Amino acid sequence: MSVADRVYARALFEAAAEQGRLERVRDELAQVVAATAEVPALRELLRNPQLDPRARAAVLQDLLAEGDELLRNFLLLLADKGRSGRLEEIAREFERLVAEEEGLIRAELTTAVELSDDEELQLLKQIEAATGRKVDATRSVDPGLIGGIVLQVGSHRLDASVRGRLERLRRELVV
């Protein structure tokens, strides 16, 4: 993610928070991003650098006529500055800022076997107790871990898997 993506996301976040429209902007931005994933023509419209920015802005203006004015103006600014192709990255950073504001940690939990709901709940409670913040986790299974877990929170990674331990042991023995 580029510095510019972060700057744009923060600007949208601060404007929406200041105007008390954070939740509405968040919802509508998520809808726009989902639409770009589902409609190839819209994705092409946003990403094609050869398209005239005025034509892109006109289409966006029509599509977003009923939407939040702040978000519409933001998307038009992105189109004007040639940044509309970075919308997904900007939206991800915006979502991270909102989660941070809400005191929420987004985590990716990977295990070697499927956890029961009770096991996941117990693990998330331990993470919440350690961080003092609420945790929203996505789960995945990677049998290659052999056993244990890998927890990814932002840029921090905790590898407590058997595969990770074996890899660390291998590196120590090579040296």
Protein backbone atom coordinates (compact mmCIF):
# COMPACT_ATOMS: atom_id res chain seq x y z
CA MET A 1 0.00 0.00 0.00
CA SER A 2 1.38 3.36 -0.99
CA VAL A 3 1.69 6.42 1.20
CA ALA A 4 -0.83 8.16 -1.07
CA ASP A 5 -3.39 5.40 -0.40
CA ARG A 6 -2.99 5.98 3.34
CA VAL A 7 -3.27 9.75 2.94
CA TYR A 8 -6.49 9.47 0.92
CA ALA A 9 -7.98 6.93 3.34
CA ARG A 10 -7.12 9.08 6.36
CA ALA A 11 -8.59 12.19 4.70
CA LEU A 12 -11.87 10.37 4.03
CA PHE A 13 -11.89 8.91 7.53
CA GLU A 14 -11.30 12.27 9.23
CA ALA A 15 -13.90 14.07 7.10
CA ALA A 16 -16.52 11.37 7.72
CA ALA A 17 -15.78 11.27 11.47
CA GLU A 18 -15.89 15.05 11.73
CA GLN A 19 -19.29 15.15 10.04
CA GLY A 20 -20.67 12.22 12.03
CA ARG A 21 -21.15 10.14 8.88
CA LEU A 22 -18.55 7.47 9.47
CA GLU A 23 -20.95 4.52 9.47
CA ARG A 24 -22.81 5.65 6.34
CA VAL A 25 -19.59 6.34 4.43
CA ARG A 26 -18.20 2.99 5.58
CA ASP A 27 -21.27 1.10 4.36
CA GLU A 28 -21.46 2.88 1.01
CA LEU A 29 -17.73 2.56 0.38
CA ALA A 30 -18.00 -1.19 1.02
CA GLN A 31 -20.89 -1.36 -1.46
CA VAL A 32 -18.87 0.48 -4.13
CA VAL A 33 -15.88 -1.83 -3.62
CA ALA A 34 -18.15 -4.89 -3.78
CA ALA A 35 -19.72 -3.56 -6.98
CA THR A 36 -16.30 -3.13 -8.58
CA ALA A 37 -15.53 -6.76 -7.77
CA GLU A 38 -18.85 -7.96 -9.22
CA VAL A 39 -19.09 -5.73 -12.30
CA PRO A 40 -16.06 -6.01 -14.61
CA ALA A 41 -17.10 -2.92 -16.60
CA LEU A 42 -17.07 -0.79 -13.45
CA ARG A 43 -13.69 -2.19 -12.44
CA GLU A 44 -12.33 -1.37 -15.90
CA LEU A 45 -13.80 2.12 -15.70
CA LEU A 46 -11.93 2.78 -12.45
CA ARG A 47 -8.65 1.12 -13.39
CA ASN A 48 -8.14 2.06 -17.06
CA PRO A 49 -5.60 4.92 -17.14
CA GLN A 50 -6.36 5.63 -20.82
CA LEU A 51 -9.96 6.58 -20.07
CA ASP A 52 -10.67 10.31 -20.03
CA PRO A 53 -10.97 11.40 -16.36
CA ARG A 54 -13.98 13.57 -17.25
CA ALA A 55 -15.81 10.57 -18.71
CA ARG A 56 -14.93 8.52 -15.61
CA ALA A 57 -16.19 11.35 -13.38
CA ALA A 58 -19.44 11.64 -15.34
CA VAL A 59 -20.18 7.92 -14.98
CA LEU A 60 -19.32 8.02 -11.27
CA GLN A 61 -21.53 11.07 -10.80
CA ASP A 62 -24.46 9.19 -12.33
CA LEU A 63 -23.82 5.97 -10.40
CA LEU A 64 -23.46 7.73 -7.06
CA ALA A 65 -26.17 10.36 -7.46
CA GLU A 66 -28.23 8.90 -4.59
CA GLY A 67 -25.23 8.15 -2.36
CA ASP A 68 -23.53 10.07 0.39
CA GLU A 69 -22.25 13.42 -0.90
CA LEU A 70 -18.96 13.15 0.97
CA LEU A 71 -18.20 9.75 -0.53
CA ARG A 72 -19.33 10.86 -4.01
CA ASN A 73 -17.03 13.88 -3.88
CA PHE A 74 -14.19 11.72 -2.59
CA LEU A 75 -14.59 9.22 -5.45
CA LEU A 76 -14.76 12.06 -7.96
CA LEU A 77 -11.53 13.45 -6.49
CA LEU A 78 -9.88 10.05 -6.87
CA ALA A 79 -11.01 9.94 -10.51
CA ASP A 80 -9.72 13.48 -11.10
CA LYS A 81 -6.33 12.65 -9.58
CA GLY A 82 -6.02 9.35 -11.46
CA ARG A 83 -6.26 7.31 -8.26
CA SER A 84 -9.60 5.57 -8.73
CA GLY A 85 -7.80 2.36 -9.64
CA ARG A 86 -6.49 2.25 -6.06
CA LEU A 87 -9.97 2.27 -4.53
CA GLU A 88 -9.74 -1.23 -3.02
CA GLU A 89 -6.47 -0.45 -1.24
CA ILE A 90 -7.79 2.90 0.00
CA ALA A 91 -10.99 1.22 1.23
CA ARG A 92 -8.94 -1.41 3.11
CA GLU A 93 -6.96 1.31 4.88
CA PHE A 94 -10.17 3.24 5.61
CA GLU A 95 -11.67 0.10 7.16
CA ARG A 96 -8.53 -0.37 9.27
CA LEU A 97 -8.82 3.21 10.55
CA VAL A 98 -12.48 2.69 11.44
CA ALA A 99 -11.65 -0.55 13.26
CA GLU A 100 -8.88 1.21 15.15
CA GLU A 101 -11.30 3.98 16.13
CA GLU A 102 -13.72 1.36 17.42
CA GLY A 103 -10.95 -0.34 19.41
CA LEU A 104 -11.23 -3.43 17.25
CA ILE A 105 -8.34 -5.64 16.19
CA ARG A 106 -8.65 -7.54 12.93
CA ALA A 107 -6.80 -10.85 13.08
CA GLU A 108 -6.24 -13.84 10.84
CA LEU A 109 -6.13 -17.12 12.70
CA THR A 110 -4.74 -20.13 10.87
CA THR A 111 -4.79 -23.56 12.46
CA ALA A 112 -3.72 -27.01 11.37
CA VAL A 113 -7.19 -28.42 12.07
CA GLU A 114 -10.64 -26.85 12.20
CA LEU A 115 -11.36 -25.30 15.60
CA SER A 116 -14.70 -25.73 17.27
CA ASP A 117 -16.61 -22.54 18.00
CA ASP A 118 -15.84 -22.96 21.72
CA GLU A 119 -12.11 -23.33 21.05
CA GLU A 120 -12.11 -20.26 18.85
CA LEU A 121 -14.04 -18.26 21.44
CA GLN A 122 -11.60 -19.28 24.19
CA LEU A 123 -8.61 -18.31 22.03
CA LEU A 124 -10.15 -14.95 21.08
CA LYS A 125 -10.88 -14.22 24.75
CA GLN A 126 -7.20 -14.82 25.54
CA ILE A 127 -6.16 -12.42 22.77
CA GLU A 128 -8.68 -9.82 23.98
CA ALA A 129 -7.40 -10.14 27.54
CA ALA A 130 -3.81 -9.70 26.39
CA THR A 131 -4.52 -6.69 24.16
CA GLY A 132 -7.39 -5.07 26.02
CA ARG A 133 -9.26 -4.71 22.73
CA LYS A 134 -12.07 -6.57 20.98
CA VAL A 135 -10.89 -9.00 18.30
CA ASP A 136 -12.56 -9.74 14.97
CA ALA A 137 -10.88 -12.81 13.52
CA THR A 138 -11.11 -14.67 10.27
CA ARG A 139 -10.30 -18.36 10.41
CA SER A 140 -8.57 -20.64 7.98
CA VAL A 141 -7.14 -24.13 8.06
CA ASP A 142 -3.70 -25.08 6.75
CA PRO A 143 -2.89 -28.76 7.38
CA GLY A 144 0.73 -27.96 6.45
CA LEU A 145 1.14 -26.33 9.87
CA ILE A 146 1.07 -29.88 11.30
CA GLY A 147 -0.17 -28.51 14.64
CA GLY A 148 -0.52 -25.25 16.55
CA ILE A 149 -1.62 -21.84 15.25
CA VAL A 150 -0.44 -18.82 13.30
CA LEU A 151 -1.94 -15.49 14.34
CA GLN A 152 -1.57 -12.48 12.05
CA VAL A 153 -2.57 -9.06 13.41
CA GLY A 154 -1.64 -6.26 11.04
CA SER A 155 2.07 -6.59 10.34
CA HIS A 156 2.65 -8.70 13.47
CA ARG A 157 2.79 -12.47 13.11
CA LEU A 158 2.86 -15.02 15.89
CA ASP A 159 3.82 -18.43 14.57
CA ALA A 160 3.18 -21.10 17.21
CA SER A 161 2.87 -23.91 14.70
CA VAL A 162 4.85 -27.14 14.57
CA ARG A 163 5.97 -26.24 11.03
CA GLY A 164 7.22 -22.86 12.29
CA ARG A 165 9.13 -24.46 15.16
CA LEU A 166 10.71 -27.02 12.82
CA GLU A 167 11.72 -24.23 10.44
CA ARG A 168 13.34 -22.22 13.28
CA LEU A 169 15.17 -25.34 14.46
CA ARG A 170 16.40 -26.02 10.91
CA ARG A 171 17.78 -22.46 10.63
CA GLU A 172 19.56 -22.80 13.99
CA LEU A 173 21.17 -26.07 12.96
CA VAL A 174 22.35 -24.68 9.63
CA VAL A 175 24.22 -21.82 11.30
